[in-house]
Structure formats: structure tokens, C-alpha cells
Amino acid sequence: GQHLLLDIENVDGAFLNSEERLAHAMLELVDECGLTLLSYHCHKLIPMGVSCAGVLLESHVSFHTWPSEGVITLDLFTCG
């Protein structure tokens, strides 16, 4: 398998705090990578931030955000 862990800094805090925008970003990422998304869920955190997890036919993808820090962590694992 291939495992990508990525921390991205200096990202717009409004984007990182939007459950809807991050769900759309997950769909775009999966499509651009040519992967197959079976299901996904995004959850807005309190007081801020969003976590998204997706089940792929090929394994999984997840995002976790820290809007006040401008940071998003991406975890993408594929196998097969």
C-alpha cells in the first residue's frame, strides 16, 4: 500500500472551519486521484475545526483541521 500523511499550513481559517467546503474538497480529492469513495462523514467540532473521514474501495482518507492555526492534516492510504 501507499500511505500519505501531510500537514498543510497557512490555510484560510474560514475554509478550515467549513464542514460543507471540506466535504466538497474530499470529493474532489478522491475524484482527482481516481479513487472510489464508498462513504464519508464530516463533523464540525466545538469550538472550531472539522474532521472528515472517508472509506475508499482502496482503503481510507481523512482530514482534521485547526482553523485558528491555519492547519489541515491529510491522511490518505491506498492498497491493492
PDB file of N, CA and C in Angstrom:
ATOM      1  N   GLY A   1       0.813  -1.188   0.000  1.00  0.00           N
ATOM      2  CA  GLY A   1       0.000   0.000   0.000  1.00  0.00           C
ATOM      3  C   GLY A   1       0.855   1.250   0.000  1.00  0.00           C
ATOM      4  N   GLN A   2       0.200   2.371  -0.209  1.00  0.00           N
ATOM      5  CA  GLN A   2       0.845   3.678  -0.161  1.00  0.00           C
ATOM      6  C   GLN A   2       0.148   4.514   0.905  1.00  0.00           C
ATOM      7  N   HIS A   3       0.945   5.183   1.739  1.00  0.00           N
ATOM      8  CA  HIS A   3       0.391   5.976   2.832  1.00  0.00           C
ATOM      9  C   HIS A   3       0.965   7.384   2.747  1.00  0.00           C
ATOM     10  N   LEU A   4       0.075   8.370   2.631  1.00  0.00           N
ATOM     11  CA  LEU A   4       0.473   9.769   2.569  1.00  0.00           C
ATOM     12  C   LEU A   4      -0.076  10.488   3.791  1.00  0.00           C
ATOM     13  N   LEU A   5       0.810  11.072   4.574  1.00  0.00           N
ATOM     14  CA  LEU A   5       0.439  11.921   5.711  1.00  0.00           C
ATOM     15  C   LEU A   5       0.988  13.304   5.413  1.00  0.00           C
ATOM     16  N   LEU A   6       0.118  14.302   5.447  1.00  0.00           N
ATOM     17  CA  LEU A   6       0.523  15.631   5.025  1.00  0.00           C
ATOM     18  C   LEU A   6      -0.078  16.681   5.944  1.00  0.00           C
ATOM     19  N   ASP A   7       0.754  17.583   6.453  1.00  0.00           N
ATOM     20  CA  ASP A   7       0.298  18.747   7.217  1.00  0.00           C
ATOM     21  C   ASP A   7       0.484  19.959   6.321  1.00  0.00           C
ATOM     22  N   ILE A   8      -0.591  20.728   6.134  1.00  0.00           N
ATOM     23  CA  ILE A   8      -0.527  21.927   5.301  1.00  0.00           C
ATOM     24  C   ILE A   8      -0.796  23.125   6.201  1.00  0.00           C
ATOM     25  N   GLU A   9       0.092  24.119   6.132  1.00  0.00           N
ATOM     26  CA  GLU A   9      -0.019  25.314   6.973  1.00  0.00           C
ATOM     27  C   GLU A   9      -0.463  26.523   6.159  1.00  0.00           C
ATOM     28  N   ASN A  10      -0.863  27.577   6.863  1.00  0.00           N
ATOM     29  CA  ASN A  10      -1.255  28.851   6.262  1.00  0.00           C
ATOM     30  C   ASN A  10      -2.477  28.732   5.356  1.00  0.00           C
ATOM     31  N   VAL A  11      -3.433  27.897   5.761  1.00  0.00           N
ATOM     32  CA  VAL A  11      -4.681  27.713   5.025  1.00  0.00           C
ATOM     33  C   VAL A  11      -5.737  28.644   5.639  1.00  0.00           C
ATOM     34  N   ASP A  12      -6.616  29.174   4.807  1.00  0.00           N
ATOM     35  CA  ASP A  12      -7.669  30.079   5.258  1.00  0.00           C
ATOM     36  C   ASP A  12      -8.525  29.435   6.350  1.00  0.00           C
ATOM     37  N   GLY A  13      -8.639  30.127   7.490  1.00  0.00           N
ATOM     38  CA  GLY A  13      -9.380  29.603   8.636  1.00  0.00           C
ATOM     39  C   GLY A  13     -10.855  29.376   8.355  1.00  0.00           C
ATOM     40  N   ALA A  14     -11.475  30.233   7.532  1.00  0.00           N
ATOM     41  CA  ALA A  14     -12.894  30.057   7.203  1.00  0.00           C
ATOM     42  C   ALA A  14     -13.104  28.759   6.426  1.00  0.00           C
ATOM     43  N   PHE A  15     -12.197  28.451   5.511  1.00  0.00           N
ATOM     44  CA  PHE A  15     -12.258  27.182   4.783  1.00  0.00           C
ATOM     45  C   PHE A  15     -12.116  26.004   5.750  1.00  0.00           C
ATOM     46  N   LEU A  16     -11.152  26.106   6.657  1.00  0.00           N
ATOM     47  CA  LEU A  16     -10.875  25.013   7.590  1.00  0.00           C
ATOM     48  C   LEU A  16     -11.991  24.799   8.605  1.00  0.00           C
ATOM     49  N   ASN A  17     -12.870  25.771   8.755  1.00  0.00           N
ATOM     50  CA  ASN A  17     -13.959  25.644   9.718  1.00  0.00           C
ATOM     51  C   ASN A  17     -15.304  25.347   9.044  1.00  0.00           C
ATOM     52  N   SER A  18     -15.276  25.078   7.740  1.00  0.00           N
ATOM     53  CA  SER A  18     -16.496  24.820   6.977  1.00  0.00           C
ATOM     54  C   SER A  18     -16.658  23.328   6.677  1.00  0.00           C
ATOM     55  N   GLU A  19     -17.627  22.715   7.342  1.00  0.00           N
ATOM     56  CA  GLU A  19     -17.914  21.296   7.111  1.00  0.00           C
ATOM     57  C   GLU A  19     -18.276  21.061   5.640  1.00  0.00           C
ATOM     58  N   GLU A  20     -19.084  21.951   5.080  1.00  0.00           N
ATOM     59  CA  GLU A  20     -19.529  21.803   3.693  1.00  0.00           C
ATOM     60  C   GLU A  20     -18.369  21.913   2.704  1.00  0.00           C
ATOM     61  N   ARG A  21     -17.514  22.904   2.886  1.00  0.00           N
ATOM     62  CA  ARG A  21     -16.387  23.095   1.961  1.00  0.00           C
ATOM     63  C   ARG A  21     -15.378  21.959   2.057  1.00  0.00           C
ATOM     64  N   LEU A  22     -15.153  21.429   3.251  1.00  0.00           N
ATOM     65  CA  LEU A  22     -14.215  20.319   3.406  1.00  0.00           C
ATOM     66  C   LEU A  22     -14.786  19.022   2.830  1.00  0.00           C
ATOM     67  N   ALA A  23     -16.092  18.817   2.964  1.00  0.00           N
ATOM     68  CA  ALA A  23     -16.722  17.648   2.343  1.00  0.00           C
ATOM     69  C   ALA A  23     -16.542  17.720   0.828  1.00  0.00           C
ATOM     70  N   HIS A  24     -16.750  18.898   0.252  1.00  0.00           N
ATOM     71  CA  HIS A  24     -16.563  19.081  -1.188  1.00  0.00           C
ATOM     72  C   HIS A  24     -15.103  18.840  -1.580  1.00  0.00           C
ATOM     73  N   ALA A  25     -14.166  19.323  -0.758  1.00  0.00           N
ATOM     74  CA  ALA A  25     -12.740  19.114  -1.027  1.00  0.00           C
ATOM     75  C   ALA A  25     -12.393  17.627  -1.005  1.00  0.00           C
ATOM     76  N   MET A  26     -13.008  16.867  -0.084  1.00  0.00           N
ATOM     77  CA  MET A  26     -12.753  15.429  -0.033  1.00  0.00           C
ATOM     78  C   MET A  26     -13.242  14.755  -1.313  1.00  0.00           C
ATOM     79  N   LEU A  27     -14.434  15.123  -1.765  1.00  0.00           N
ATOM     80  CA  LEU A  27     -14.971  14.547  -3.003  1.00  0.00           C
ATOM     81  C   LEU A  27     -14.071  14.877  -4.190  1.00  0.00           C
ATOM     82  N   GLU A  28     -13.579  16.108  -4.257  1.00  0.00           N
ATOM     83  CA  GLU A  28     -12.681  16.499  -5.338  1.00  0.00           C
ATOM     84  C   GLU A  28     -11.355  15.748  -5.281  1.00  0.00           C
ATOM     85  N   LEU A  29     -10.792  15.606  -4.085  1.00  0.00           N
ATOM     86  CA  LEU A  29      -9.526  14.887  -3.925  1.00  0.00           C
ATOM     87  C   LEU A  29      -9.660  13.446  -4.405  1.00  0.00           C
ATOM     88  N   VAL A  30     -10.707  12.775  -3.958  1.00  0.00           N
ATOM     89  CA  VAL A  30     -10.924  11.372  -4.335  1.00  0.00           C
ATOM     90  C   VAL A  30     -11.084  11.253  -5.844  1.00  0.00           C
ATOM     91  N   ASP A  31     -11.856  12.165  -6.442  1.00  0.00           N
ATOM     92  CA  ASP A  31     -12.070  12.144  -7.886  1.00  0.00           C
ATOM     93  C   ASP A  31     -10.761  12.381  -8.639  1.00  0.00           C
ATOM     94  N   GLU A  32      -9.988  13.395  -8.216  1.00  0.00           N
ATOM     95  CA  GLU A  32      -8.721  13.718  -8.880  1.00  0.00           C
ATOM     96  C   GLU A  32      -7.714  12.555  -8.799  1.00  0.00           C
ATOM     97  N   CYS A  33      -7.783  11.796  -7.714  1.00  0.00           N
ATOM     98  CA  CYS A  33      -6.861  10.664  -7.532  1.00  0.00           C
ATOM     99  C   CYS A  33      -7.344   9.400  -8.239  1.00  0.00           C
ATOM    100  N   GLY A  34      -8.555   9.435  -8.793  1.00  0.00           N
ATOM    101  CA  GLY A  34      -9.087   8.261  -9.480  1.00  0.00           C
ATOM    102  C   GLY A  34      -9.462   7.145  -8.517  1.00  0.00           C
ATOM    103  N   LEU A  35      -9.839   7.505  -7.291  1.00  0.00           N
ATOM    104  CA  LEU A  35     -10.195   6.515  -6.283  1.00  0.00           C
ATOM    105  C   LEU A  35     -11.715   6.356  -6.211  1.00  0.00           C
ATOM    106  N   THR A  36     -12.171   5.364  -5.447  1.00  0.00           N
ATOM    107  CA  THR A  36     -13.595   5.068  -5.333  1.00  0.00           C
ATOM    108  C   THR A  36     -14.052   5.299  -3.899  1.00  0.00           C
ATOM    109  N   LEU A  37     -14.864   6.333  -3.698  1.00  0.00           N
ATOM    110  CA  LEU A  37     -15.380   6.656  -2.371  1.00  0.00           C
ATOM    111  C   LEU A  37     -16.641   5.851  -2.108  1.00  0.00           C
ATOM    112  N   LEU A  38     -16.627   5.061  -1.032  1.00  0.00           N
ATOM    113  CA  LEU A  38     -17.791   4.253  -0.662  1.00  0.00           C
ATOM    114  C   LEU A  38     -18.714   5.019   0.272  1.00  0.00           C
ATOM    115  N   SER A  39     -18.147   5.758   1.218  1.00  0.00           N
ATOM    116  CA  SER A  39     -18.937   6.587   2.130  1.00  0.00           C
ATOM    117  C   SER A  39     -17.999   7.588   2.793  1.00  0.00           C
ATOM    118  N   TYR A  40     -18.605   8.671   3.333  1.00  0.00           N
ATOM    119  CA  TYR A  40     -17.804   9.651   4.057  1.00  0.00           C
ATOM    120  C   TYR A  40     -18.687  10.384   5.061  1.00  0.00           C
ATOM    121  N   HIS A  41     -18.039  10.993   6.028  1.00  0.00           N
ATOM    122  CA  HIS A  41     -18.750  11.779   7.039  1.00  0.00           C
ATOM    123  C   HIS A  41     -17.826  12.899   7.489  1.00  0.00           C
ATOM    124  N   CYS A  42     -18.383  14.112   7.577  1.00  0.00           N
ATOM    125  CA  CYS A  42     -17.654  15.244   8.135  1.00  0.00           C
ATOM    126  C   CYS A  42     -18.402  15.714   9.375  1.00  0.00           C
ATOM    127  N   HIS A  43     -17.638  16.110  10.372  1.00  0.00           N
ATOM    128  CA  HIS A  43     -18.240  16.525  11.639  1.00  0.00           C
ATOM    129  C   HIS A  43     -17.592  17.823  12.091  1.00  0.00           C
ATOM    130  N   LYS A  44     -18.400  18.855  12.316  1.00  0.00           N
ATOM    131  CA  LYS A  44     -17.906  20.132  12.826  1.00  0.00           C
ATOM    132  C   LYS A  44     -17.608  19.986  14.312  1.00  0.00           C
ATOM    133  N   LEU A  45     -16.455  20.458  14.713  1.00  0.00           N
ATOM    134  CA  LEU A  45     -16.019  20.337  16.103  1.00  0.00           C
ATOM    135  C   LEU A  45     -16.329  21.619  16.866  1.00  0.00           C
ATOM    136  N   ILE A  46     -16.389  21.524  18.172  1.00  0.00           N
ATOM    137  CA  ILE A  46     -16.663  22.676  19.033  1.00  0.00           C
ATOM    138  C   ILE A  46     -15.421  22.940  19.880  1.00  0.00           C
ATOM    139  N   PRO A  47     -14.885  24.148  19.903  1.00  0.00           N
ATOM    140  CA  PRO A  47     -15.481  25.370  19.394  1.00  0.00           C
ATOM    141  C   PRO A  47     -15.220  25.606  17.906  1.00  0.00           C
ATOM    142  N   MET A  48     -14.206  24.974  17.327  1.00  0.00           N
ATOM    143  CA  MET A  48     -13.962  25.141  15.896  1.00  0.00           C
ATOM    144  C   MET A  48     -13.152  23.974  15.374  1.00  0.00           C
ATOM    145  N   GLY A  49     -13.175  23.832  14.051  1.00  0.00           N
ATOM    146  CA  GLY A  49     -12.466  22.747  13.381  1.00  0.00           C
ATOM    147  C   GLY A  49     -13.448  21.762  12.789  1.00  0.00           C
ATOM    148  N   VAL A  50     -12.935  20.933  11.908  1.00  0.00           N
ATOM    149  CA  VAL A  50     -13.735  19.919  11.232  1.00  0.00           C
ATOM    150  C   VAL A  50     -12.882  18.666  11.092  1.00  0.00           C
ATOM    151  N   SER A  51     -13.507  17.514  11.267  1.00  0.00           N
ATOM    152  CA  SER A  51     -12.874  16.233  10.957  1.00  0.00           C
ATOM    153  C   SER A  51     -13.733  15.531   9.925  1.00  0.00           C
ATOM    154  N   CYS A  52     -13.090  14.999   8.890  1.00  0.00           N
ATOM    155  CA  CYS A  52     -13.769  14.249   7.839  1.00  0.00           C
ATOM    156  C   CYS A  52     -13.069  12.908   7.671  1.00  0.00           C
ATOM    157  N   ALA A  53     -13.854  11.869   7.473  1.00  0.00           N
ATOM    158  CA  ALA A  53     -13.295  10.542   7.219  1.00  0.00           C
ATOM    159  C   ALA A  53     -14.053   9.908   6.064  1.00  0.00           C
ATOM    160  N   GLY A  54     -13.313   9.307   5.156  1.00  0.00           N
ATOM    161  CA  GLY A  54     -13.922   8.644   4.020  1.00  0.00           C
ATOM    162  C   GLY A  54     -13.417   7.216   3.892  1.00  0.00           C
ATOM    163  N   VAL A  55     -14.337   6.316   3.584  1.00  0.00           N
ATOM    164  CA  VAL A  55     -13.983   4.925   3.322  1.00  0.00           C
ATOM    165  C   VAL A  55     -13.858   4.774   1.811  1.00  0.00           C
ATOM    166  N   LEU A  56     -12.711   4.327   1.382  1.00  0.00           N
ATOM    167  CA  LEU A  56     -12.445   4.116  -0.041  1.00  0.00           C
ATOM    168  C   LEU A  56     -12.474   2.632  -0.362  1.00  0.00           C
ATOM    169  N   LEU A  57     -12.824   2.290  -1.571  1.00  0.00           N
ATOM    170  CA  LEU A  57     -12.689   0.913  -2.021  1.00  0.00           C
ATOM    171  C   LEU A  57     -11.232   0.478  -1.838  1.00  0.00           C
ATOM    172  N   GLU A  58     -10.322   1.445  -1.999  1.00  0.00           N
ATOM    173  CA  GLU A  58      -8.892   1.185  -1.918  1.00  0.00           C
ATOM    174  C   GLU A  58      -8.333   1.335  -0.502  1.00  0.00           C
ATOM    175  N   SER A  59      -9.070   1.885   0.458  1.00  0.00           N
ATOM    176  CA  SER A  59      -8.721   1.995   1.877  1.00  0.00           C
ATOM    177  C   SER A  59      -9.411   3.186   2.532  1.00  0.00           C
ATOM    178  N   HIS A  60      -8.666   4.298   2.868  1.00  0.00           N
ATOM    179  CA  HIS A  60      -9.316   5.409   3.585  1.00  0.00           C
ATOM    180  C   HIS A  60      -8.654   6.755   3.303  1.00  0.00           C
ATOM    181  N   VAL A  61      -9.399   7.833   3.642  1.00  0.00           N
ATOM    182  CA  VAL A  61      -8.896   9.196   3.577  1.00  0.00           C
ATOM    183  C   VAL A  61      -9.488   9.963   4.757  1.00  0.00           C
ATOM    184  N   SER A  62      -8.710  10.873   5.357  1.00  0.00           N
ATOM    185  CA  SER A  62      -9.264  11.704   6.434  1.00  0.00           C
ATOM    186  C   SER A  62      -8.592  13.069   6.442  1.00  0.00           C
ATOM    187  N   PHE A  63      -9.352  14.072   6.929  1.00  0.00           N
ATOM    188  CA  PHE A  63      -8.879  15.436   7.140  1.00  0.00           C
ATOM    189  C   PHE A  63      -9.169  15.788   8.587  1.00  0.00           C
ATOM    190  N   HIS A  64      -8.286  16.547   9.204  1.00  0.00           N
ATOM    191  CA  HIS A  64      -8.529  17.139  10.521  1.00  0.00           C
ATOM    192  C   HIS A  64      -8.007  18.564  10.443  1.00  0.00           C
ATOM    193  N   THR A  65      -8.793  19.537  10.942  1.00  0.00           N
ATOM    194  CA  THR A  65      -8.394  20.932  10.791  1.00  0.00           C
ATOM    195  C   THR A  65      -8.272  21.660  12.120  1.00  0.00           C
ATOM    196  N   TRP A  66      -7.412  22.672  12.109  1.00  0.00           N
ATOM    197  CA  TRP A  66      -7.208  23.595  13.217  1.00  0.00           C
ATOM    198  C   TRP A  66      -7.277  25.005  12.625  1.00  0.00           C
ATOM    199  N   PRO A  67      -8.505  25.565  12.486  1.00  0.00           N
ATOM    200  CA  PRO A  67      -8.672  26.865  11.833  1.00  0.00           C
ATOM    201  C   PRO A  67      -7.876  28.004  12.464  1.00  0.00           C
ATOM    202  N   SER A  68      -7.811  28.053  13.784  1.00  0.00           N
ATOM    203  CA  SER A  68      -7.094  29.159  14.432  1.00  0.00           C
ATOM    204  C   SER A  68      -5.592  29.103  14.152  1.00  0.00           C
ATOM    205  N   GLU A  69      -5.098  27.930  13.822  1.00  0.00           N
ATOM    206  CA  GLU A  69      -3.680  27.747  13.488  1.00  0.00           C
ATOM    207  C   GLU A  69      -3.446  27.748  11.983  1.00  0.00           C
ATOM    208  N   GLY A  70      -4.525  27.660  11.190  1.00  0.00           N
ATOM    209  CA  GLY A  70      -4.395  27.610   9.735  1.00  0.00           C
ATOM    210  C   GLY A  70      -3.821  26.302   9.235  1.00  0.00           C
ATOM    211  N   VAL A  71      -4.123  25.197   9.941  1.00  0.00           N
ATOM    212  CA  VAL A  71      -3.507  23.904   9.630  1.00  0.00           C
ATOM    213  C   VAL A  71      -4.563  22.848   9.314  1.00  0.00           C
ATOM    214  N   ILE A  72      -4.282  22.052   8.290  1.00  0.00           N
ATOM    215  CA  ILE A  72      -5.079  20.871   7.979  1.00  0.00           C
ATOM    216  C   ILE A  72      -4.119  19.686   7.850  1.00  0.00           C
ATOM    217  N   THR A  73      -4.530  18.552   8.402  1.00  0.00           N
ATOM    218  CA  THR A  73      -3.771  17.308   8.293  1.00  0.00           C
ATOM    219  C   THR A  73      -4.549  16.371   7.385  1.00  0.00           C
ATOM    220  N   LEU A  74      -3.869  15.813   6.408  1.00  0.00           N
ATOM    221  CA  LEU A  74      -4.459  14.869   5.463  1.00  0.00           C
ATOM    222  C   LEU A  74      -3.821  13.505   5.668  1.00  0.00           C
ATOM    223  N   ASP A  75      -4.653  12.475   5.707  1.00  0.00           N
ATOM    224  CA  ASP A  75      -4.201  11.083   5.814  1.00  0.00           C
ATOM    225  C   ASP A  75      -4.876  10.317   4.668  1.00  0.00           C
ATOM    226  N   LEU A  76      -4.077   9.806   3.747  1.00  0.00           N
ATOM    227  CA  LEU A  76      -4.601   9.051   2.617  1.00  0.00           C
ATOM    228  C   LEU A  76      -3.838   7.734   2.520  1.00  0.00           C
ATOM    229  N   PHE A  77      -4.550   6.641   2.601  1.00  0.00           N
ATOM    230  CA  PHE A  77      -3.940   5.314   2.477  1.00  0.00           C
ATOM    231  C   PHE A  77      -4.654   4.550   1.381  1.00  0.00           C
ATOM    232  N   THR A  78      -3.872   3.977   0.467  1.00  0.00           N
ATOM    233  CA  THR A  78      -4.437   3.140  -0.586  1.00  0.00           C
ATOM    234  C   THR A  78      -3.688   1.824  -0.647  1.00  0.00           C
ATOM    235  N   CYS A  79      -4.404   0.793  -1.032  1.00  0.00           N
ATOM    236  CA  CYS A  79      -3.779  -0.516  -1.190  1.00  0.00           C
ATOM    237  C   CYS A  79      -4.488  -1.258  -2.319  1.00  0.00           C
ATOM    238  N   GLY A  80      -3.839  -2.273  -2.838  1.00  0.00           N
ATOM    239  CA  GLY A  80      -4.455  -3.086  -3.875  1.00  0.00           C
ATOM    240  C   GLY A  80      -4.074  -2.674  -5.259  1.00  0.00           C
TER     241      GLY A  80
END
